[in-house]
N, C-alpha and C. Protein backbone atom coordinates (compact mmCIF):
# COMPACT_ATOMS: atom_id res chain seq x y z
N MET A 1 6.09 0.51 39.03
CA MET A 1 4.92 0.05 38.34
C MET A 1 4.31 1.16 37.49
N GLY A 2 4.35 2.40 38.00
CA GLY A 2 3.85 3.53 37.23
C GLY A 2 4.65 3.78 35.97
N GLU A 3 5.94 3.46 36.03
CA GLU A 3 6.82 3.63 34.88
C GLU A 3 6.40 2.70 33.74
N ARG A 4 6.08 1.46 34.09
CA ARG A 4 5.64 0.50 33.07
C ARG A 4 4.33 0.96 32.43
N ASP A 5 3.42 1.45 33.21
CA ASP A 5 2.15 1.92 32.68
C ASP A 5 2.37 3.05 31.69
N THR A 6 3.28 3.97 32.00
CA THR A 6 3.58 5.07 31.10
C THR A 6 4.17 4.56 29.80
N ARG A 7 5.09 3.61 29.89
CA ARG A 7 5.71 3.04 28.69
C ARG A 7 4.66 2.31 27.85
N ARG A 8 3.78 1.57 28.48
CA ARG A 8 2.73 0.86 27.77
C ARG A 8 1.82 1.86 27.06
N ASP A 9 1.47 2.96 27.72
CA ASP A 9 0.65 3.99 27.10
C ASP A 9 1.36 4.59 25.90
N THR A 10 2.68 4.82 26.02
CA THR A 10 3.47 5.38 24.92
C THR A 10 3.52 4.39 23.76
N ASP A 11 3.73 3.10 24.04
CA ASP A 11 3.74 2.08 23.00
C ASP A 11 2.39 2.02 22.29
N GLN A 12 1.32 2.10 23.06
CA GLN A 12 -0.02 2.06 22.48
C GLN A 12 -0.25 3.28 21.58
N ALA A 13 0.18 4.45 22.02
CA ALA A 13 0.01 5.67 21.22
C ALA A 13 0.84 5.59 19.95
N SER A 14 2.06 5.04 20.05
CA SER A 14 2.92 4.88 18.88
C SER A 14 2.30 3.91 17.89
N TRP A 15 1.80 2.79 18.37
CA TRP A 15 1.14 1.83 17.49
C TRP A 15 -0.08 2.44 16.83
N SER A 16 -0.86 3.15 17.60
CA SER A 16 -2.08 3.77 17.08
C SER A 16 -1.77 4.77 15.97
N ALA A 17 -0.68 5.49 16.12
CA ALA A 17 -0.29 6.47 15.09
C ALA A 17 0.16 5.78 13.79
N ARG A 18 0.72 4.57 13.89
CA ARG A 18 1.21 3.84 12.71
C ARG A 18 0.16 2.94 12.07
N ALA A 19 -0.87 2.59 12.80
CA ALA A 19 -1.87 1.64 12.31
C ALA A 19 -2.63 2.21 11.12
N PRO A 20 -2.83 1.40 10.09
CA PRO A 20 -3.55 1.89 8.91
C PRO A 20 -5.04 2.06 9.21
N ARG A 21 -5.68 2.84 8.38
CA ARG A 21 -7.13 3.03 8.45
C ARG A 21 -7.76 2.30 7.28
N VAL A 22 -9.03 1.97 7.39
CA VAL A 22 -9.73 1.29 6.29
C VAL A 22 -9.65 2.14 5.02
N ALA A 23 -9.79 3.45 5.18
CA ALA A 23 -9.74 4.34 4.01
C ALA A 23 -8.38 4.25 3.30
N ASP A 24 -7.30 4.02 4.04
CA ASP A 24 -5.99 3.85 3.44
C ASP A 24 -5.81 2.45 2.86
N ALA A 25 -6.27 1.45 3.58
CA ALA A 25 -6.08 0.06 3.19
C ALA A 25 -6.86 -0.31 1.94
N LEU A 26 -8.01 0.30 1.75
CA LEU A 26 -8.87 -0.04 0.60
C LEU A 26 -9.00 1.12 -0.38
N LYS A 27 -7.97 1.97 -0.46
CA LYS A 27 -8.07 3.06 -1.41
C LYS A 27 -7.67 2.58 -2.81
N ARG A 28 -8.01 3.37 -3.80
CA ARG A 28 -7.75 3.04 -5.19
C ARG A 28 -6.28 2.68 -5.42
N GLY A 29 -6.06 1.56 -6.10
CA GLY A 29 -4.72 1.14 -6.47
C GLY A 29 -4.05 0.17 -5.52
N VAL A 30 -4.63 -0.06 -4.35
CA VAL A 30 -4.03 -0.98 -3.38
C VAL A 30 -4.31 -2.42 -3.82
N LEU A 31 -3.28 -3.26 -3.76
CA LEU A 31 -3.39 -4.67 -4.13
C LEU A 31 -3.95 -5.47 -2.95
N VAL A 32 -5.04 -6.20 -3.20
CA VAL A 32 -5.69 -6.98 -2.15
C VAL A 32 -6.00 -8.39 -2.65
N SER A 33 -6.18 -9.29 -1.70
CA SER A 33 -6.68 -10.64 -1.98
C SER A 33 -7.95 -10.81 -1.16
N VAL A 34 -9.00 -11.24 -1.83
CA VAL A 34 -10.30 -11.39 -1.17
C VAL A 34 -10.70 -12.86 -1.15
N GLU A 35 -11.06 -13.32 0.03
CA GLU A 35 -11.62 -14.67 0.19
C GLU A 35 -13.14 -14.47 0.28
N THR A 36 -13.87 -15.16 -0.58
CA THR A 36 -15.32 -15.03 -0.55
C THR A 36 -15.92 -16.11 0.34
N ARG A 37 -17.17 -15.93 0.69
CA ARG A 37 -17.85 -16.88 1.58
C ARG A 37 -17.97 -18.27 0.96
N ASP A 38 -17.96 -18.33 -0.38
CA ASP A 38 -18.05 -19.65 -1.03
C ASP A 38 -16.68 -20.24 -1.33
N GLY A 39 -15.60 -19.66 -0.76
CA GLY A 39 -14.28 -20.25 -0.84
C GLY A 39 -13.39 -19.80 -1.99
N LYS A 40 -13.86 -18.90 -2.82
CA LYS A 40 -13.02 -18.41 -3.92
C LYS A 40 -12.02 -17.38 -3.41
N SER A 41 -10.88 -17.35 -4.10
CA SER A 41 -9.85 -16.35 -3.78
C SER A 41 -9.66 -15.47 -5.01
N ILE A 42 -9.80 -14.16 -4.83
CA ILE A 42 -9.69 -13.21 -5.93
C ILE A 42 -8.69 -12.15 -5.53
N SER A 43 -7.72 -11.90 -6.41
CA SER A 43 -6.72 -10.86 -6.15
C SER A 43 -6.81 -9.78 -7.22
N GLY A 44 -6.59 -8.57 -6.81
CA GLY A 44 -6.61 -7.46 -7.76
C GLY A 44 -6.37 -6.14 -7.06
N ARG A 45 -6.41 -5.09 -7.85
CA ARG A 45 -6.23 -3.73 -7.32
C ARG A 45 -7.59 -3.09 -7.10
N VAL A 46 -7.72 -2.39 -5.99
CA VAL A 46 -8.97 -1.72 -5.66
C VAL A 46 -9.22 -0.59 -6.66
N CYS A 47 -10.38 -0.62 -7.28
CA CYS A 47 -10.79 0.49 -8.15
C CYS A 47 -11.68 1.46 -7.36
N ASP A 48 -12.56 0.86 -6.55
CA ASP A 48 -13.49 1.69 -5.77
C ASP A 48 -14.07 0.83 -4.66
N ARG A 49 -14.55 1.50 -3.64
CA ARG A 49 -15.27 0.84 -2.55
C ARG A 49 -16.40 1.76 -2.13
N GLU A 50 -17.47 1.17 -1.74
CA GLU A 50 -18.61 1.94 -1.24
C GLU A 50 -19.38 1.07 -0.27
N ALA A 51 -20.48 1.58 0.22
CA ALA A 51 -21.26 0.86 1.24
C ALA A 51 -21.74 -0.50 0.75
N SER A 52 -21.95 -0.66 -0.54
CA SER A 52 -22.48 -1.92 -1.05
C SER A 52 -21.41 -2.96 -1.39
N GLY A 53 -20.14 -2.53 -1.60
CA GLY A 53 -19.13 -3.52 -1.93
C GLY A 53 -17.83 -2.95 -2.43
N LEU A 54 -17.05 -3.81 -3.05
CA LEU A 54 -15.69 -3.52 -3.48
C LEU A 54 -15.54 -3.85 -4.96
N LEU A 55 -14.98 -2.93 -5.75
CA LEU A 55 -14.73 -3.14 -7.17
C LEU A 55 -13.23 -3.34 -7.36
N LEU A 56 -12.87 -4.50 -7.95
CA LEU A 56 -11.47 -4.84 -8.17
C LEU A 56 -11.16 -4.92 -9.65
N ASP A 57 -9.94 -4.53 -10.00
CA ASP A 57 -9.40 -4.69 -11.34
C ASP A 57 -8.48 -5.91 -11.26
N ILE A 58 -8.88 -7.01 -11.92
CA ILE A 58 -8.10 -8.24 -11.82
C ILE A 58 -7.54 -8.61 -13.19
N GLU A 59 -6.40 -9.30 -13.19
CA GLU A 59 -5.90 -9.87 -14.43
C GLU A 59 -6.66 -11.16 -14.65
N ASN A 60 -6.98 -11.41 -15.90
CA ASN A 60 -7.77 -12.59 -16.23
C ASN A 60 -6.82 -13.72 -16.65
N PRO A 61 -6.45 -14.62 -15.71
CA PRO A 61 -5.50 -15.68 -16.03
C PRO A 61 -6.05 -16.70 -17.01
N GLY A 62 -7.36 -16.80 -17.18
CA GLY A 62 -7.95 -17.78 -18.08
C GLY A 62 -7.93 -17.34 -19.53
N ASP A 63 -7.55 -16.11 -19.81
CA ASP A 63 -7.53 -15.60 -21.18
C ASP A 63 -6.10 -15.67 -21.73
N GLU A 64 -5.97 -16.06 -22.99
CA GLU A 64 -4.66 -16.20 -23.60
C GLU A 64 -3.98 -14.86 -23.82
N ARG A 65 -4.75 -13.81 -23.99
CA ARG A 65 -4.16 -12.51 -24.27
C ARG A 65 -3.55 -11.94 -23.00
N GLU A 66 -2.24 -11.81 -23.02
CA GLU A 66 -1.50 -11.34 -21.84
C GLU A 66 -1.90 -9.92 -21.48
N GLY A 67 -2.04 -9.69 -20.20
CA GLY A 67 -2.31 -8.33 -19.73
C GLY A 67 -3.78 -7.93 -19.79
N LEU A 68 -4.65 -8.82 -20.26
CA LEU A 68 -6.07 -8.50 -20.33
C LEU A 68 -6.62 -8.37 -18.91
N THR A 69 -7.30 -7.30 -18.63
CA THR A 69 -7.86 -7.11 -17.30
C THR A 69 -9.38 -7.12 -17.36
N SER A 70 -9.96 -7.39 -16.24
CA SER A 70 -11.41 -7.32 -16.11
C SER A 70 -11.72 -6.81 -14.73
N TYR A 71 -12.96 -6.45 -14.52
CA TYR A 71 -13.38 -5.88 -13.26
C TYR A 71 -14.36 -6.83 -12.59
N VAL A 72 -14.25 -6.93 -11.27
CA VAL A 72 -15.14 -7.76 -10.49
C VAL A 72 -15.71 -6.90 -9.36
N PHE A 73 -17.03 -6.92 -9.23
CA PHE A 73 -17.68 -6.26 -8.10
C PHE A 73 -18.04 -7.32 -7.09
N LEU A 74 -17.59 -7.13 -5.86
CA LEU A 74 -17.87 -8.07 -4.77
C LEU A 74 -18.74 -7.37 -3.72
N PRO A 75 -20.01 -7.77 -3.61
CA PRO A 75 -20.83 -7.20 -2.55
C PRO A 75 -20.24 -7.60 -1.19
N TRP A 76 -20.32 -6.71 -0.22
CA TRP A 76 -19.76 -7.02 1.11
C TRP A 76 -20.35 -8.28 1.70
N THR A 77 -21.58 -8.62 1.35
CA THR A 77 -22.21 -9.83 1.89
C THR A 77 -21.53 -11.10 1.38
N SER A 78 -20.78 -11.02 0.27
CA SER A 78 -20.08 -12.19 -0.25
C SER A 78 -18.63 -12.26 0.20
N VAL A 79 -18.14 -11.22 0.88
CA VAL A 79 -16.74 -11.15 1.29
C VAL A 79 -16.57 -11.76 2.68
N ASP A 80 -15.62 -12.72 2.78
CA ASP A 80 -15.32 -13.33 4.07
C ASP A 80 -14.12 -12.62 4.70
N GLN A 81 -13.08 -12.38 3.89
CA GLN A 81 -11.85 -11.77 4.42
C GLN A 81 -11.15 -11.02 3.30
N VAL A 82 -10.53 -9.90 3.65
CA VAL A 82 -9.72 -9.13 2.70
C VAL A 82 -8.30 -9.04 3.28
N ALA A 83 -7.33 -9.51 2.51
CA ALA A 83 -5.93 -9.41 2.90
C ALA A 83 -5.31 -8.28 2.10
N ILE A 84 -4.73 -7.32 2.81
CA ILE A 84 -4.11 -6.15 2.18
C ILE A 84 -2.61 -6.36 2.20
N ARG A 85 -1.98 -6.31 1.05
CA ARG A 85 -0.56 -6.60 0.97
C ARG A 85 0.29 -5.43 1.43
N ASP A 86 0.07 -4.28 0.85
CA ASP A 86 0.86 -3.09 1.20
C ASP A 86 -0.09 -1.95 1.49
N VAL A 87 0.03 -1.41 2.67
CA VAL A 87 -0.82 -0.27 3.02
C VAL A 87 0.08 0.96 3.13
N VAL A 88 -0.26 1.96 2.38
CA VAL A 88 0.47 3.23 2.46
C VAL A 88 -0.38 4.16 3.28
N THR A 89 0.09 4.48 4.46
CA THR A 89 -0.68 5.35 5.32
C THR A 89 -0.53 6.80 4.88
N ARG A 90 -1.49 7.55 5.24
CA ARG A 90 -1.45 8.99 4.89
C ARG A 90 -0.34 9.68 5.65
N ARG A 91 0.31 10.54 4.95
CA ARG A 91 1.35 11.33 5.62
C ARG A 91 0.71 12.61 6.10
N VAL A 92 1.01 12.92 7.32
CA VAL A 92 0.44 14.12 7.93
C VAL A 92 1.56 15.12 8.17
N LYS A 93 1.34 16.31 7.74
CA LYS A 93 2.34 17.35 7.96
C LYS A 93 1.80 18.27 9.04
N TYR A 94 2.59 18.42 10.08
CA TYR A 94 2.21 19.29 11.18
C TYR A 94 2.76 20.70 10.92
N LEU A 95 1.91 21.66 11.05
CA LEU A 95 2.32 23.03 10.86
C LEU A 95 2.53 23.66 12.21
N ARG A 96 3.62 24.37 12.35
CA ARG A 96 3.90 25.06 13.60
C ARG A 96 3.57 26.54 13.47
N ASP A 97 3.09 27.06 14.55
CA ASP A 97 2.82 28.49 14.59
C ASP A 97 4.16 29.24 14.69
N GLY A 98 4.27 30.31 13.92
CA GLY A 98 5.42 31.18 14.06
C GLY A 98 6.52 30.80 13.23
């Protein structure tokens, strides 16, 4: 039984080391989809985030000019859920003494 507990602790530590952080998931350039409290779905790349909300760079599908982008600021009070497509976690380099 002690062996299982050790393995579970190791699995938990391994998962914890791989799990993304909010700072990584919502950093500049990450592609996200946001569901707002009023049911809208907005997708775009994170430009910035701060205590008041999230700024996204979105393509404007309603405009005829291809590639036209616009920015949308979403206050956190209007955000219901954020889906992060690809999270690139920070790489940590361990330095050894000697």
